[in-house]
Amino acid sequence: MARTVHEIQGYTIVLEHIAFLTRVFEAEGGEGYQFNVRFAADVRLAPRFPTREEAELARSLLIQALKDS
């Protein structure tokens, strides 16, 4: 069985290990916007983006990749 992977901000993510995604929210300290990716092994990735639009786009592309896998 081939693994389906997705790349986000230089990280390669194996889609089968994603447990859930949070909504896009403003990062602490005014550092832009982020969403969290939680994996089955209780590992979290929190990519940050300068604008909400970029964060929403990255999140929606990840969700589409999950649906397509």
C-alpha atoms as a PDB file:
ATOM      1  CA  MET A   1       0.000   0.000   0.000  1.00  0.00           C
ATOM      2  CA  ALA A   2       1.481   3.347  -1.038  1.00  0.00           C
ATOM      3  CA  ARG A   3       1.470   6.109   1.535  1.00  0.00           C
ATOM      4  CA  THR A   4      -0.092   9.414   0.622  1.00  0.00           C
ATOM      5  CA  VAL A   5       2.026  12.396   1.625  1.00  0.00           C
ATOM      6  CA  HIS A   6       1.520  16.152   1.633  1.00  0.00           C
ATOM      7  CA  GLU A   7       4.108  18.901   1.999  1.00  0.00           C
ATOM      8  CA  ILE A   8       3.497  21.996   4.111  1.00  0.00           C
ATOM      9  CA  GLN A   9       6.159  24.575   4.974  1.00  0.00           C
ATOM     10  CA  GLY A  10       8.985  22.133   4.331  1.00  0.00           C
ATOM     11  CA  TYR A  11       7.438  19.282   6.332  1.00  0.00           C
ATOM     12  CA  THR A  12       6.347  16.079   4.635  1.00  0.00           C
ATOM     13  CA  ILE A  13       3.201  14.747   6.280  1.00  0.00           C
ATOM     14  CA  VAL A  14       1.939  11.183   5.938  1.00  0.00           C
ATOM     15  CA  LEU A  15      -1.793  11.764   5.615  1.00  0.00           C
ATOM     16  CA  GLU A  16      -2.780   8.427   7.163  1.00  0.00           C
ATOM     17  CA  HIS A  17      -1.332   9.560  10.530  1.00  0.00           C
ATOM     18  CA  ILE A  18      -3.353  12.784  10.883  1.00  0.00           C
ATOM     19  CA  ALA A  19      -5.865  12.604  13.724  1.00  0.00           C
ATOM     20  CA  PHE A  20      -7.435  16.076  13.362  1.00  0.00           C
ATOM     21  CA  LEU A  21      -6.979  19.685  12.238  1.00  0.00           C
ATOM     22  CA  THR A  22      -7.982  22.813  14.117  1.00  0.00           C
ATOM     23  CA  ARG A  23      -9.508  25.903  12.581  1.00  0.00           C
ATOM     24  CA  VAL A  24      -7.285  28.829  11.593  1.00  0.00           C
ATOM     25  CA  PHE A  25      -6.677  31.242  14.452  1.00  0.00           C
ATOM     26  CA  GLU A  26      -4.421  34.181  15.291  1.00  0.00           C
ATOM     27  CA  ALA A  27      -1.066  33.050  16.652  1.00  0.00           C
ATOM     28  CA  GLU A  28       0.152  34.334  20.013  1.00  0.00           C
ATOM     29  CA  GLY A  29       2.180  37.506  20.041  1.00  0.00           C
ATOM     30  CA  GLY A  30       0.830  38.772  16.738  1.00  0.00           C
ATOM     31  CA  GLU A  31       2.966  36.269  14.813  1.00  0.00           C
ATOM     32  CA  GLY A  32       0.431  35.789  12.041  1.00  0.00           C
ATOM     33  CA  TYR A  33      -2.095  32.964  11.748  1.00  0.00           C
ATOM     34  CA  GLN A  34      -1.858  29.250  12.308  1.00  0.00           C
ATOM     35  CA  PHE A  35      -3.730  25.979  12.535  1.00  0.00           C
ATOM     36  CA  ASN A  36      -2.700  22.832  14.352  1.00  0.00           C
ATOM     37  CA  VAL A  37      -2.281  19.378  12.878  1.00  0.00           C
ATOM     38  CA  ARG A  38      -2.506  16.600  15.478  1.00  0.00           C
ATOM     39  CA  PHE A  39      -1.130  13.182  14.600  1.00  0.00           C
ATOM     40  CA  ALA A  40      -2.095   9.751  15.925  1.00  0.00           C
ATOM     41  CA  ALA A  41       1.068   9.580  18.070  1.00  0.00           C
ATOM     42  CA  ASP A  42       0.011  12.774  19.931  1.00  0.00           C
ATOM     43  CA  VAL A  43       2.504  14.858  17.960  1.00  0.00           C
ATOM     44  CA  ARG A  44       1.455  18.362  16.913  1.00  0.00           C
ATOM     45  CA  LEU A  45       2.558  20.537  14.016  1.00  0.00           C
ATOM     46  CA  ALA A  46       1.591  24.228  14.117  1.00  0.00           C
ATOM     47  CA  PRO A  47       2.446  25.900  10.808  1.00  0.00           C
ATOM     48  CA  ARG A  48       2.265  29.716  10.924  1.00  0.00           C
ATOM     49  CA  PHE A  49       1.482  32.047   8.060  1.00  0.00           C
ATOM     50  CA  PRO A  50       1.708  35.835   7.710  1.00  0.00           C
ATOM     51  CA  THR A  51      -1.901  36.236   6.543  1.00  0.00           C
ATOM     52  CA  ARG A  52      -5.189  34.493   7.316  1.00  0.00           C
ATOM     53  CA  GLU A  53      -5.726  33.866   3.600  1.00  0.00           C
ATOM     54  CA  GLU A  54      -2.468  31.906   3.309  1.00  0.00           C
ATOM     55  CA  ALA A  55      -3.321  29.851   6.392  1.00  0.00           C
ATOM     56  CA  GLU A  56      -6.845  29.133   5.115  1.00  0.00           C
ATOM     57  CA  LEU A  57      -5.465  28.093   1.720  1.00  0.00           C
ATOM     58  CA  ALA A  58      -2.863  25.742   3.220  1.00  0.00           C
ATOM     59  CA  ARG A  59      -5.477  24.201   5.520  1.00  0.00           C
ATOM     60  CA  SER A  60      -8.004  23.734   2.718  1.00  0.00           C
ATOM     61  CA  LEU A  61      -5.368  22.128   0.469  1.00  0.00           C
ATOM     62  CA  LEU A  62      -4.476  19.729   3.292  1.00  0.00           C
ATOM     63  CA  ILE A  63      -8.155  18.890   3.808  1.00  0.00           C
ATOM     64  CA  GLN A  64      -8.561  18.269   0.075  1.00  0.00           C
ATOM     65  CA  ALA A  65      -5.518  15.983   0.092  1.00  0.00           C
ATOM     66  CA  LEU A  66      -7.067  14.063   3.001  1.00  0.00           C
ATOM     67  CA  LYS A  67     -10.353  13.677   1.104  1.00  0.00           C
ATOM     68  CA  ASP A  68      -8.551  12.502  -2.023  1.00  0.00           C
ATOM     69  CA  SER A  69      -6.415   9.896  -0.241  1.00  0.00           C
END
